[in-house]
Amino acid sequence: MAKTNLNHRFLIEHNGQFVSNLSDTETANLTANREEKYPVNMGDRDHAAVFTLQNGLLLSNNDVTLLVLGRWIQEESTTFNPLPMYWASQFDKVKSVQYMGNGDDVQLESFGMLVALIKH
């Protein structure tokens, strides 16, 4: 059975860095469809985005709108390098994800690399 839903909120961490929230301007550009996607920036925990995992979608509500995070669905897969992750407002533009593990040892496995999920 695919593991595509988590019942708690979490932060995404990779090598000591966290997925950062988008700025208000970037969020507005996504929601107005002036931009299709924004690349993910990594930063410290104080600026980390808070996520839920629902039906394989990494969702984050940044007080303006609900955004989705993931690998761009139209990019070609490669076995050598992980593909970048993007923010989008259109949920059908990113690939769905699954997690592995249980309890406090949960990791995403769908980005071509493992990233840890830290309960928020």
PDB file of N, CA and C in Angstrom:
ATOM      1  N   MET A   1       0.836  -1.183   0.000  1.00  0.00           N
ATOM      2  CA  MET A   1       0.000   0.000   0.000  1.00  0.00           C
ATOM      3  C   MET A   1       0.885   1.251   0.000  1.00  0.00           C
ATOM      4  N   ALA A   2       0.576   2.185  -0.878  1.00  0.00           N
ATOM      5  CA  ALA A   2       1.356   3.414  -0.983  1.00  0.00           C
ATOM      6  C   ALA A   2       1.173   4.263   0.272  1.00  0.00           C
ATOM      7  N   LYS A   3       2.253   4.834   0.720  1.00  0.00           N
ATOM      8  CA  LYS A   3       2.220   5.723   1.881  1.00  0.00           C
ATOM      9  C   LYS A   3       2.200   7.154   1.371  1.00  0.00           C
ATOM     10  N   THR A   4       0.975   7.709   1.207  1.00  0.00           N
ATOM     11  CA  THR A   4       0.823   9.021   0.595  1.00  0.00           C
ATOM     12  C   THR A   4       0.106  10.028   1.481  1.00  0.00           C
ATOM     13  N   ASN A   5      -0.187   9.668   2.733  1.00  0.00           N
ATOM     14  CA  ASN A   5      -0.852  10.578   3.663  1.00  0.00           C
ATOM     15  C   ASN A   5      -0.172  10.508   5.026  1.00  0.00           C
ATOM     16  N   LEU A   6       0.045  11.668   5.634  1.00  0.00           N
ATOM     17  CA  LEU A   6       0.541  11.745   7.006  1.00  0.00           C
ATOM     18  C   LEU A   6      -0.435  12.588   7.812  1.00  0.00           C
ATOM     19  N   ASN A   7      -0.676  12.195   9.045  1.00  0.00           N
ATOM     20  CA  ASN A   7      -1.679  12.893   9.845  1.00  0.00           C
ATOM     21  C   ASN A   7      -1.087  13.965  10.759  1.00  0.00           C
ATOM     22  N   HIS A   8       0.129  14.409  10.489  1.00  0.00           N
ATOM     23  CA  HIS A   8       0.715  15.497  11.266  1.00  0.00           C
ATOM     24  C   HIS A   8       1.449  16.469  10.339  1.00  0.00           C
ATOM     25  N   ARG A   9       1.659  17.691  10.838  1.00  0.00           N
ATOM     26  CA  ARG A   9       2.401  18.702  10.085  1.00  0.00           C
ATOM     27  C   ARG A   9       3.895  18.489  10.304  1.00  0.00           C
ATOM     28  N   PHE A  10       4.702  18.892   9.308  1.00  0.00           N
ATOM     29  CA  PHE A  10       6.139  18.635   9.393  1.00  0.00           C
ATOM     30  C   PHE A  10       6.933  19.648   8.579  1.00  0.00           C
ATOM     31  N   LEU A  11       8.236  19.691   8.851  1.00  0.00           N
ATOM     32  CA  LEU A  11       9.208  20.466   8.093  1.00  0.00           C
ATOM     33  C   LEU A  11      10.008  19.482   7.250  1.00  0.00           C
ATOM     34  N   ILE A  12      10.567  19.946   6.140  1.00  0.00           N
ATOM     35  CA  ILE A  12      11.405  19.095   5.301  1.00  0.00           C
ATOM     36  C   ILE A  12      12.847  19.550   5.448  1.00  0.00           C
ATOM     37  N   GLU A  13      13.718  18.614   5.842  1.00  0.00           N
ATOM     38  CA  GLU A  13      15.131  18.915   6.104  1.00  0.00           C
ATOM     39  C   GLU A  13      16.019  18.038   5.244  1.00  0.00           C
ATOM     40  N   HIS A  14      17.095  18.641   4.699  1.00  0.00           N
ATOM     41  CA  HIS A  14      18.104  17.905   3.944  1.00  0.00           C
ATOM     42  C   HIS A  14      19.464  18.515   4.267  1.00  0.00           C
ATOM     43  N   ASN A  15      20.360  17.696   4.773  1.00  0.00           N
ATOM     44  CA  ASN A  15      21.712  18.135   5.129  1.00  0.00           C
ATOM     45  C   ASN A  15      21.723  19.363   6.043  1.00  0.00           C
ATOM     46  N   GLY A  16      20.836  19.384   7.019  1.00  0.00           N
ATOM     47  CA  GLY A  16      20.808  20.462   8.000  1.00  0.00           C
ATOM     48  C   GLY A  16      20.112  21.727   7.541  1.00  0.00           C
ATOM     49  N   GLN A  17      19.600  21.755   6.334  1.00  0.00           N
ATOM     50  CA  GLN A  17      18.881  22.905   5.797  1.00  0.00           C
ATOM     51  C   GLN A  17      17.410  22.542   5.618  1.00  0.00           C
ATOM     52  N   PHE A  18      16.533  23.544   5.705  1.00  0.00           N
ATOM     53  CA  PHE A  18      15.096  23.328   5.614  1.00  0.00           C
ATOM     54  C   PHE A  18      14.522  24.011   4.379  1.00  0.00           C
ATOM     55  N   VAL A  19      13.464  23.424   3.815  1.00  0.00           N
ATOM     56  CA  VAL A  19      12.749  24.070   2.717  1.00  0.00           C
ATOM     57  C   VAL A  19      12.144  25.356   3.260  1.00  0.00           C
ATOM     58  N   SER A  20      12.468  26.483   2.614  1.00  0.00           N
ATOM     59  CA  SER A  20      12.021  27.796   3.070  1.00  0.00           C
ATOM     60  C   SER A  20      10.687  28.184   2.447  1.00  0.00           C
ATOM     61  N   ASN A  21       9.926  28.996   3.188  1.00  0.00           N
ATOM     62  CA  ASN A  21       8.699  29.589   2.665  1.00  0.00           C
ATOM     63  C   ASN A  21       9.007  30.476   1.474  1.00  0.00           C
ATOM     64  N   LEU A  22       8.024  30.642   0.610  1.00  0.00           N
ATOM     65  CA  LEU A  22       8.127  31.641  -0.456  1.00  0.00           C
ATOM     66  C   LEU A  22       7.848  33.021   0.119  1.00  0.00           C
ATOM     67  N   SER A  23       8.372  34.045  -0.535  1.00  0.00           N
ATOM     68  CA  SER A  23       8.045  35.413  -0.135  1.00  0.00           C
ATOM     69  C   SER A  23       6.607  35.713  -0.555  1.00  0.00           C
ATOM     70  N   ASP A  24       6.044  36.780  -0.014  1.00  0.00           N
ATOM     71  CA  ASP A  24       4.686  37.192  -0.385  1.00  0.00           C
ATOM     72  C   ASP A  24       4.587  37.506  -1.876  1.00  0.00           C
ATOM     73  N   THR A  25       5.623  38.125  -2.446  1.00  0.00           N
ATOM     74  CA  THR A  25       5.621  38.459  -3.876  1.00  0.00           C
ATOM     75  C   THR A  25       5.642  37.197  -4.728  1.00  0.00           C
ATOM     76  N   GLU A  26       6.498  36.233  -4.374  1.00  0.00           N
ATOM     77  CA  GLU A  26       6.552  34.973  -5.123  1.00  0.00           C
ATOM     78  C   GLU A  26       5.226  34.231  -5.034  1.00  0.00           C
ATOM     79  N   THR A  27       4.634  34.216  -3.852  1.00  0.00           N
ATOM     80  CA  THR A  27       3.337  33.562  -3.670  1.00  0.00           C
ATOM     81  C   THR A  27       2.269  34.237  -4.520  1.00  0.00           C
ATOM     82  N   ALA A  28       2.244  35.571  -4.522  1.00  0.00           N
ATOM     83  CA  ALA A  28       1.258  36.313  -5.319  1.00  0.00           C
ATOM     84  C   ALA A  28       1.432  36.032  -6.811  1.00  0.00           C
ATOM     85  N   ASN A  29       2.680  35.954  -7.271  1.00  0.00           N
ATOM     86  CA  ASN A  29       2.934  35.653  -8.685  1.00  0.00           C
ATOM     87  C   ASN A  29       2.455  34.256  -9.059  1.00  0.00           C
ATOM     88  N   LEU A  30       2.616  33.304  -8.162  1.00  0.00           N
ATOM     89  CA  LEU A  30       2.122  31.947  -8.433  1.00  0.00           C
ATOM     90  C   LEU A  30       0.604  31.910  -8.470  1.00  0.00           C
ATOM     91  N   THR A  31      -0.031  32.511  -7.504  1.00  0.00           N
ATOM     92  CA  THR A  31      -1.491  32.435  -7.429  1.00  0.00           C
ATOM     93  C   THR A  31      -2.157  33.222  -8.556  1.00  0.00           C
ATOM     94  N   ALA A  32      -1.505  34.264  -9.051  1.00  0.00           N
ATOM     95  CA  ALA A  32      -2.051  35.032 -10.178  1.00  0.00           C
ATOM     96  C   ALA A  32      -1.615  34.424 -11.513  1.00  0.00           C
ATOM     97  N   ASN A  33      -0.877  33.323 -11.449  1.00  0.00           N
ATOM     98  CA  ASN A  33      -0.371  32.615 -12.637  1.00  0.00           C
ATOM     99  C   ASN A  33       0.550  33.461 -13.504  1.00  0.00           C
ATOM    100  N   ARG A  34       1.197  34.459 -12.892  1.00  0.00           N
ATOM    101  CA  ARG A  34       2.229  35.192 -13.618  1.00  0.00           C
ATOM    102  C   ARG A  34       3.492  34.339 -13.723  1.00  0.00           C
ATOM    103  N   GLU A  35       3.647  33.443 -12.791  1.00  0.00           N
ATOM    104  CA  GLU A  35       4.741  32.470 -12.811  1.00  0.00           C
ATOM    105  C   GLU A  35       4.129  31.088 -12.681  1.00  0.00           C
ATOM    106  N   GLU A  36       4.717  30.102 -13.361  1.00  0.00           N
ATOM    107  CA  GLU A  36       4.196  28.742 -13.294  1.00  0.00           C
ATOM    108  C   GLU A  36       4.775  27.974 -12.112  1.00  0.00           C
ATOM    109  N   LYS A  37       6.047  28.279 -11.795  1.00  0.00           N
ATOM    110  CA  LYS A  37       6.720  27.567 -10.710  1.00  0.00           C
ATOM    111  C   LYS A  37       7.850  28.429 -10.157  1.00  0.00           C
ATOM    112  N   TYR A  38       8.269  28.092  -8.937  1.00  0.00           N
ATOM    113  CA  TYR A  38       9.427  28.724  -8.313  1.00  0.00           C
ATOM    114  C   TYR A  38      10.321  27.635  -7.748  1.00  0.00           C
ATOM    115  N   PRO A  39      11.629  27.730  -7.958  1.00  0.00           N
ATOM    116  CA  PRO A  39      12.516  26.728  -7.371  1.00  0.00           C
ATOM    117  C   PRO A  39      12.538  26.852  -5.845  1.00  0.00           C
ATOM    118  N   VAL A  40      12.749  25.736  -5.209  1.00  0.00           N
ATOM    119  CA  VAL A  40      12.809  25.683  -3.748  1.00  0.00           C
ATOM    120  C   VAL A  40      14.137  26.254  -3.269  1.00  0.00           C
ATOM    121  N   ASN A  41      14.073  27.046  -2.224  1.00  0.00           N
ATOM    122  CA  ASN A  41      15.265  27.532  -1.546  1.00  0.00           C
ATOM    123  C   ASN A  41      15.364  26.838  -0.201  1.00  0.00           C
ATOM    124  N   MET A  42      16.579  26.583   0.215  1.00  0.00           N
ATOM    125  CA  MET A  42      16.832  25.969   1.509  1.00  0.00           C
ATOM    126  C   MET A  42      17.364  27.041   2.448  1.00  0.00           C
ATOM    127  N   GLY A  43      17.053  26.902   3.739  1.00  0.00           N
ATOM    128  CA  GLY A  43      17.506  27.884   4.709  1.00  0.00           C
ATOM    129  C   GLY A  43      17.441  27.332   6.116  1.00  0.00           C
ATOM    130  N   ASP A  44      17.398  28.238   7.085  1.00  0.00           N
ATOM    131  CA  ASP A  44      17.379  27.808   8.474  1.00  0.00           C
ATOM    132  C   ASP A  44      15.951  27.474   8.915  1.00  0.00           C
ATOM    133  N   ARG A  45      15.862  26.886  10.074  1.00  0.00           N
ATOM    134  CA  ARG A  45      14.571  26.420  10.590  1.00  0.00           C
ATOM    135  C   ARG A  45      13.594  27.570  10.846  1.00  0.00           C
ATOM    136  N   ASP A  46      14.102  28.768  11.164  1.00  0.00           N
ATOM    137  CA  ASP A  46      13.233  29.910  11.453  1.00  0.00           C
ATOM    138  C   ASP A  46      12.378  30.324  10.254  1.00  0.00           C
ATOM    139  N   HIS A  47      12.807  29.992   9.033  1.00  0.00           N
ATOM    140  CA  HIS A  47      12.086  30.374   7.822  1.00  0.00           C
ATOM    141  C   HIS A  47      11.519  29.157   7.094  1.00  0.00           C
ATOM    142  N   ALA A  48      11.433  28.036   7.787  1.00  0.00           N
ATOM    143  CA  ALA A  48      10.996  26.792   7.159  1.00  0.00           C
ATOM    144  C   ALA A  48       9.500  26.786   6.880  1.00  0.00           C
ATOM    145  N   ALA A  49       9.138  26.214   5.757  1.00  0.00           N
ATOM    146  CA  ALA A  49       7.734  26.011   5.404  1.00  0.00           C
ATOM    147  C   ALA A  49       7.200  24.811   6.176  1.00  0.00           C
ATOM    148  N   VAL A  50       5.935  24.856   6.537  1.00  0.00           N
ATOM    149  CA  VAL A  50       5.272  23.768   7.254  1.00  0.00           C
ATOM    150  C   VAL A  50       4.378  23.035   6.260  1.00  0.00           C
ATOM    151  N   PHE A  51       4.479  21.698   6.241  1.00  0.00           N
ATOM    152  CA  PHE A  51       3.800  20.882   5.240  1.00  0.00           C
ATOM    153  C   PHE A  51       2.831  19.885   5.852  1.00  0.00           C
ATOM    154  N   THR A  52       1.909  19.437   5.001  1.00  0.00           N
ATOM    155  CA  THR A  52       1.119  18.231   5.226  1.00  0.00           C
ATOM    156  C   THR A  52       1.279  17.388   3.972  1.00  0.00           C
ATOM    157  N   LEU A  53       1.066  16.098   4.100  1.00  0.00           N
ATOM    158  CA  LEU A  53       1.102  15.192   2.956  1.00  0.00           C
ATOM    159  C   LEU A  53      -0.290  14.603   2.792  1.00  0.00           C
ATOM    160  N   GLN A  54      -0.943  14.961   1.687  1.00  0.00           N
ATOM    161  CA  GLN A  54      -2.300  14.496   1.428  1.00  0.00           C
ATOM    162  C   GLN A  54      -2.390  13.960   0.009  1.00  0.00           C
ATOM    163  N   ASN A  55      -2.752  12.692  -0.100  1.00  0.00           N
ATOM    164  CA  ASN A  55      -2.882  12.041  -1.409  1.00  0.00           C
ATOM    165  C   ASN A  55      -1.635  12.207  -2.264  1.00  0.00           C
ATOM    166  N   GLY A  56      -0.465  12.138  -1.619  1.00  0.00           N
ATOM    167  CA  GLY A  56       0.800  12.231  -2.321  1.00  0.00           C
ATOM    168  C   GLY A  56       1.263  13.638  -2.643  1.00  0.00           C
ATOM    169  N   LEU A  57       0.530  14.649  -2.213  1.00  0.00           N
ATOM    170  CA  LEU A  57       0.912  16.033  -2.473  1.00  0.00           C
ATOM    171  C   LEU A  57       1.451  16.686  -1.208  1.00  0.00           C
ATOM    172  N   LEU A  58       2.582  17.350  -1.332  1.00  0.00           N
ATOM    173  CA  LEU A  58       3.171  18.113  -0.234  1.00  0.00           C
ATOM    174  C   LEU A  58       2.561  19.501  -0.262  1.00  0.00           C
ATOM    175  N   LEU A  59       1.689  19.784   0.681  1.00  0.00           N
ATOM    176  CA  LEU A  59       0.941  21.032   0.714  1.00  0.00           C
ATOM    177  C   LEU A  59       1.443  21.939   1.823  1.00  0.00           C
ATOM    178  N   SER A  60       1.485  23.236   1.540  1.00  0.00           N
ATOM    179  CA  SER A  60       1.901  24.225   2.529  1.00  0.00           C
ATOM    180  C   SER A  60       1.001  25.442   2.405  1.00  0.00           C
ATOM    181  N   ASN A  61       0.432  25.872   3.524  1.00  0.00           N
ATOM    182  CA  ASN A  61      -0.413  27.055   3.562  1.00  0.00           C
ATOM    183  C   ASN A  61       0.384  28.165   4.221  1.00  0.00           C
ATOM    184  N   ASN A  62       0.741  29.188   3.449  1.00  0.00           N
ATOM    185  CA  ASN A  62       1.595  30.262   3.971  1.00  0.00           C
ATOM    186  C   ASN A  62       0.814  31.518   4.329  1.00  0.00           C
ATOM    187  N   ASP A  63      -0.404  31.377   4.804  1.00  0.00           N
ATOM    188  CA  ASP A  63      -1.284  32.474   5.209  1.00  0.00           C
ATOM    189  C   ASP A  63      -1.846  33.266   4.036  1.00  0.00           C
ATOM    190  N   VAL A  64      -1.434  32.972   2.812  1.00  0.00           N
ATOM    191  CA  VAL A  64      -1.975  33.631   1.632  1.00  0.00           C
ATOM    192  C   VAL A  64      -2.771  32.639   0.800  1.00  0.00           C
ATOM    193  N   THR A  65      -2.174  31.482   0.556  1.00  0.00           N
ATOM    194  CA  THR A  65      -2.812  30.466  -0.268  1.00  0.00           C
ATOM    195  C   THR A  65      -2.186  29.107   0.010  1.00  0.00           C
ATOM    196  N   LEU A  66      -2.797  28.081  -0.495  1.00  0.00           N
ATOM    197  CA  LEU A  66      -2.278  26.726  -0.385  1.00  0.00           C
ATOM    198  C   LEU A  66      -1.416  26.441  -1.602  1.00  0.00           C
ATOM    199  N   LEU A  67      -0.155  26.061  -1.371  1.00  0.00           N
ATOM    200  CA  LEU A  67       0.779  25.754  -2.443  1.00  0.00           C
ATOM    201  C   LEU A  67       1.203  24.296  -2.354  1.00  0.00           C
ATOM    202  N   VAL A  68       1.701  23.777  -3.459  1.00  0.00           N
ATOM    203  CA  VAL A  68       2.192  22.412  -3.515  1.00  0.00           C
ATOM    204  C   VAL A  68       3.682  22.449  -3.841  1.00  0.00           C
ATOM    205  N   LEU A  69       4.425  21.481  -3.321  1.00  0.00           N
ATOM    206  CA  LEU A  69       5.862  21.381  -3.543  1.00  0.00           C
ATOM    207  C   LEU A  69       6.156  20.030  -4.165  1.00  0.00           C
ATOM    208  N   GLY A  70       7.031  19.986  -5.149  1.00  0.00           N
ATOM    209  CA  GLY A  70       7.413  18.702  -5.724  1.00  0.00           C
ATOM    210  C   GLY A  70       8.320  18.846  -6.918  1.00  0.00           C
ATOM    211  N   ARG A  71       8.649  17.698  -7.501  1.00  0.00           N
ATOM    212  CA  ARG A  71       9.416  17.686  -8.742  1.00  0.00           C
ATOM    213  C   ARG A  71       8.458  17.986  -9.885  1.00  0.00           C
ATOM    214  N   TRP A  72       8.928  18.768 -10.841  1.00  0.00           N
ATOM    215  CA  TRP A  72       8.100  19.173 -11.974  1.00  0.00           C
ATOM    216  C   TRP A  72       7.768  17.955 -12.819  1.00  0.00           C
ATOM    217  N   ILE A  73       6.511  17.772 -13.128  1.00  0.00           N
ATOM    218  CA  ILE A  73       6.037  16.561 -13.786  1.00  0.00           C
ATOM    219  C   ILE A  73       6.574  16.413 -15.211  1.00  0.00           C
ATOM    220  N   GLN A  74       6.897  17.512 -15.876  1.00  0.00           N
ATOM    221  CA  GLN A  74       7.347  17.448 -17.261  1.00  0.00           C
ATOM    222  C   GLN A  74       8.852  17.259 -17.405  1.00  0.00           C
ATOM    223  N   GLU A  75       9.596  17.226 -16.321  1.00  0.00           N
ATOM    224  CA  GLU A  75      11.042  17.046 -16.414  1.00  0.00           C
ATOM    225  C   GLU A  75      11.380  15.584 -16.649  1.00  0.00           C
ATOM    226  N   GLU A  76      12.466  15.381 -17.375  1.00  0.00           N
ATOM    227  CA  GLU A  76      12.915  14.025 -17.620  1.00  0.00           C
ATOM    228  C   GLU A  76      13.620  13.477 -16.393  1.00  0.00           C
ATOM    229  N   SER A  77      13.386  12.209 -16.120  1.00  0.00           N
ATOM    230  CA  SER A  77      14.058  11.562 -14.998  1.00  0.00           C
ATOM    231  C   SER A  77      15.494  11.245 -15.375  1.00  0.00           C
ATOM    232  N   THR A  78      16.353  11.266 -14.393  1.00  0.00           N
ATOM    233  CA  THR A  78      17.743  10.902 -14.580  1.00  0.00           C
ATOM    234  C   THR A  78      18.162  10.026 -13.415  1.00  0.00           C
ATOM    235  N   THR A  79      19.029   9.098 -13.680  1.00  0.00           N
ATOM    236  CA  THR A  79      19.483   8.215 -12.605  1.00  0.00           C
ATOM    237  C   THR A  79      20.734   8.754 -11.931  1.00  0.00           C
ATOM    238  N   PHE A  80      21.302   9.839 -12.439  1.00  0.00           N
ATOM    239  CA  PHE A  80      22.568  10.327 -11.922  1.00  0.00           C
ATOM    240  C   PHE A  80      22.439  11.461 -10.917  1.00  0.00           C
ATOM    241  N   ASN A  81      21.533  12.384 -11.152  1.00  0.00           N
ATOM    242  CA  ASN A  81      21.413  13.546 -10.283  1.00  0.00           C
ATOM    243  C   ASN A  81      19.972  13.742  -9.836  1.00  0.00           C
ATOM    244  N   PRO A  82      19.766  14.170  -8.591  1.00  0.00           N
ATOM    245  CA  PRO A  82      18.400  14.490  -8.171  1.00  0.00           C
ATOM    246  C   PRO A  82      17.884  15.693  -8.947  1.00  0.00           C
ATOM    247  N   LEU A  83      16.602  15.686  -9.250  1.00  0.00           N
ATOM    248  CA  LEU A  83      15.980  16.813  -9.929  1.00  0.00           C
ATOM    249  C   LEU A  83      15.570  17.862  -8.908  1.00  0.00           C
ATOM    250  N   PRO A  84      15.502  19.122  -9.329  1.00  0.00           N
ATOM    251  CA  PRO A  84      15.106  20.167  -8.388  1.00  0.00           C
ATOM    252  C   PRO A  84      13.641  20.045  -7.996  1.00  0.00           C
ATOM    253  N   MET A  85      13.323  20.621  -6.858  1.00  0.00           N
ATOM    254  CA  MET A  85      11.947  20.692  -6.394  1.00  0.00           C
ATOM    255  C   MET A  85      11.442  22.105  -6.660  1.00  0.00           C
ATOM    256  N   TYR A  86      10.130  22.209  -6.888  1.00  0.00           N
ATOM    257  CA  TYR A  86       9.514  23.495  -7.195  1.00  0.00           C
ATOM    258  C   TYR A  86       8.261  23.703  -6.364  1.00  0.00           C
ATOM    259  N   TRP A  87       7.949  24.976  -6.145  1.00  0.00           N
ATOM    260  CA  TRP A  87       6.664  25.401  -5.614  1.00  0.00           C
ATOM    261  C   TRP A  87       5.741  25.634  -6.791  1.00  0.00           C
ATOM    262  N   ALA A  88       4.462  25.310  -6.644  1.00  0.00           N
ATOM    263  CA  ALA A  88       3.466  25.577  -7.683  1.00  0.00           C
ATOM    264  C   ALA A  88       2.117  25.808  -7.015  1.00  0.00           C
ATOM    265  N   SER A  89       1.234  26.499  -7.714  1.00  0.00           N
ATOM    266  CA  SER A  89      -0.129  26.666  -7.215  1.00  0.00           C
ATOM    267  C   SER A  89      -1.079  25.684  -7.900  1.00  0.00           C
ATOM    268  N   GLN A  90      -0.656  25.129  -9.022  1.00  0.00           N
ATOM    269  CA  GLN A  90      -1.461  24.153  -9.749  1.00  0.00           C
ATOM    270  C   GLN A  90      -0.977  22.756  -9.377  1.00  0.00           C
ATOM    271  N   PHE A  91      -1.800  22.038  -8.640  1.00  0.00           N
ATOM    272  CA  PHE A  91      -1.389  20.764  -8.056  1.00  0.00           C
ATOM    273  C   PHE A  91      -1.057  19.699  -9.081  1.00  0.00           C
ATOM    274  N   ASP A  92      -1.593  19.794 -10.284  1.00  0.00           N
ATOM    275  CA  ASP A  92      -1.346  18.780 -11.304  1.00  0.00           C
ATOM    276  C   ASP A  92      -0.010  18.971 -12.016  1.00  0.00           C
ATOM    277  N   LYS A  93       0.777  19.957 -11.626  1.00  0.00           N
ATOM    278  CA  LYS A  93       2.070  20.233 -12.268  1.00  0.00           C
ATOM    279  C   LYS A  93       3.243  19.521 -11.601  1.00  0.00           C
ATOM    280  N   VAL A  94       3.041  18.935 -10.424  1.00  0.00           N
ATOM    281  CA  VAL A  94       4.146  18.276  -9.721  1.00  0.00           C
ATOM    282  C   VAL A  94       3.846  16.790  -9.529  1.00  0.00           C
ATOM    283  N   LYS A  95       4.923  16.023  -9.422  1.00  0.00           N
ATOM    284  CA  LYS A  95       4.799  14.581  -9.207  1.00  0.00           C
ATOM    285  C   LYS A  95       4.400  14.301  -7.766  1.00  0.00           C
ATOM    286  N   SER A  96       3.605  13.286  -7.585  1.00  0.00           N
ATOM    287  CA  SER A  96       3.227  12.904  -6.224  1.00  0.00           C
ATOM    288  C   SER A  96       4.407  12.209  -5.544  1.00  0.00           C
ATOM    289  N   VAL A  97       4.365  12.183  -4.218  1.00  0.00           N
ATOM    290  CA  VAL A  97       5.445  11.606  -3.422  1.00  0.00           C
ATOM    291  C   VAL A  97       4.892  10.542  -2.484  1.00  0.00           C
ATOM    292  N   GLN A  98       5.801   9.726  -1.996  1.00  0.00           N
ATOM    293  CA  GLN A  98       5.492   8.728  -0.980  1.00  0.00           C
ATOM    294  C   GLN A  98       6.539   8.845   0.113  1.00  0.00           C
ATOM    295  N   TYR A  99       6.213   8.317   1.274  1.00  0.00           N
ATOM    296  CA  TYR A  99       7.191   8.307   2.350  1.00  0.00           C
ATOM    297  C   TYR A  99       7.470   6.877   2.767  1.00  0.00           C
ATOM    298  N   MET A 100       8.555   6.718   3.489  1.00  0.00           N
ATOM    299  CA  MET A 100       8.875   5.424   4.080  1.00  0.00           C
ATOM    300  C   MET A 100       9.245   5.651   5.528  1.00  0.00           C
ATOM    301  N   GLY A 101       9.111   4.613   6.317  1.00  0.00           N
ATOM    302  CA  GLY A 101       9.404   4.711   7.738  1.00  0.00           C
ATOM    303  C   GLY A 101       8.143   4.913   8.541  1.00  0.00           C
ATOM    304  N   ASN A 102       8.337   4.967   9.855  1.00  0.00           N
ATOM    305  CA  ASN A 102       7.223   5.130  10.784  1.00  0.00           C
ATOM    306  C   ASN A 102       7.635   6.015  11.942  1.00  0.00           C
ATOM    307  N   GLY A 103       6.644   6.569  12.628  1.00  0.00           N
ATOM    308  CA  GLY A 103       6.903   7.350  13.839  1.00  0.00           C
ATOM    309  C   GLY A 103       7.775   8.558  13.568  1.00  0.00           C
ATOM    310  N   ASP A 104       8.876   8.686  14.308  1.00  0.00           N
ATOM    311  CA  ASP A 104       9.785   9.818  14.152  1.00  0.00           C
ATOM    312  C   ASP A 104      10.835   9.590  13.076  1.00  0.00           C
ATOM    313  N   ASP A 105      10.827   8.425  12.438  1.00  0.00           N
ATOM    314  CA  ASP A 105      11.810   8.094  11.412  1.00  0.00           C
ATOM    315  C   ASP A 105      11.126   7.990  10.049  1.00  0.00           C
ATOM    316  N   VAL A 106      10.599   9.116   9.566  1.00  0.00           N
ATOM    317  CA  VAL A 106       9.888   9.168   8.291  1.00  0.00           C
ATOM    318  C   VAL A 106      10.724   9.959   7.294  1.00  0.00           C
ATOM    319  N   GLN A 107      10.855   9.428   6.074  1.00  0.00           N
ATOM    320  CA  GLN A 107      11.609  10.102   5.029  1.00  0.00           C
ATOM    321  C   GLN A 107      10.833  10.051   3.723  1.00  0.00           C
ATOM    322  N   LEU A 108      10.980  11.109   2.912  1.00  0.00           N
ATOM    323  CA  LEU A 108      10.426  11.114   1.567  1.00  0.00           C
ATOM    324  C   LEU A 108      11.406  10.411   0.652  1.00  0.00           C
ATOM    325  N   GLU A 109      10.894   9.590  -0.235  1.00  0.00           N
ATOM    326  CA  GLU A 109      11.769   8.830  -1.110  1.00  0.00           C
ATOM    327  C   GLU A 109      11.597   9.190  -2.576  1.00  0.00           C
ATOM    328  N   SER A 110      10.809  10.168  -2.892  1.00  0.00           N
ATOM    329  CA  SER A 110      10.431  10.410  -4.282  1.00  0.00           C
ATOM    330  C   SER A 110      11.167  11.561  -4.956  1.00  0.00           C
ATOM    331  N   PHE A 111      12.188  12.119  -4.348  1.00  0.00           N
ATOM    332  CA  PHE A 111      12.900  13.241  -4.950  1.00  0.00           C
ATOM    333  C   PHE A 111      14.243  12.838  -5.550  1.00  0.00           C
ATOM    334  N   GLY A 112      14.533  11.558  -5.664  1.00  0.00           N
ATOM    335  CA  GLY A 112      15.840  11.129  -6.129  1.00  0.00           C
ATOM    336  C   GLY A 112      16.868  11.225  -5.019  1.00  0.00           C
ATOM    337  N   MET A 113      16.399  11.545  -3.835  1.00  0.00           N
ATOM    338  CA  MET A 113      17.224  11.614  -2.627  1.00  0.00           C
ATOM    339  C   MET A 113      16.273  11.477  -1.458  1.00  0.00           C
ATOM    340  N   LEU A 114      16.790  11.112  -0.339  1.00  0.00           N
ATOM    341  CA  LEU A 114      15.965  11.020   0.862  1.00  0.00           C
ATOM    342  C   LEU A 114      16.017  12.338   1.609  1.00  0.00           C
ATOM    343  N   VAL A 115      14.883  12.805   2.067  1.00  0.00           N
ATOM    344  CA  VAL A 115      14.829  13.980   2.921  1.00  0.00           C
ATOM    345  C   VAL A 115      14.057  13.619   4.176  1.00  0.00           C
ATOM    346  N   ALA A 116      14.504  14.148   5.285  1.00  0.00           N
ATOM    347  CA  ALA A 116      13.872  13.841   6.567  1.00  0.00           C
ATOM    348  C   ALA A 116      12.688  14.748   6.794  1.00  0.00           C
ATOM    349  N   LEU A 117      11.681  14.227   7.458  1.00  0.00           N
ATOM    350  CA  LEU A 117      10.515  14.997   7.860  1.00  0.00           C
ATOM    351  C   LEU A 117      10.597  15.207   9.355  1.00  0.00           C
ATOM    352  N   ILE A 118      10.572  16.453   9.788  1.00  0.00           N
ATOM    353  CA  ILE A 118      10.678  16.803  11.194  1.00  0.00           C
ATOM    354  C   ILE A 118       9.291  17.264  11.647  1.00  0.00           C
ATOM    355  N   LYS A 119       8.719  16.600  12.660  1.00  0.00           N
ATOM    356  CA  LYS A 119       7.387  16.995  13.145  1.00  0.00           C
ATOM    357  C   LYS A 119       7.406  18.443  13.597  1.00  0.00           C
ATOM    358  N   HIS A 120       6.317  19.132  13.269  1.00  0.00           N
ATOM    359  CA  HIS A 120       6.198  20.561  13.632  1.00  0.00           C
ATOM    360  C   HIS A 120       5.214  20.703  14.766  1.00  0.00           C
TER     361      HIS A 120
END
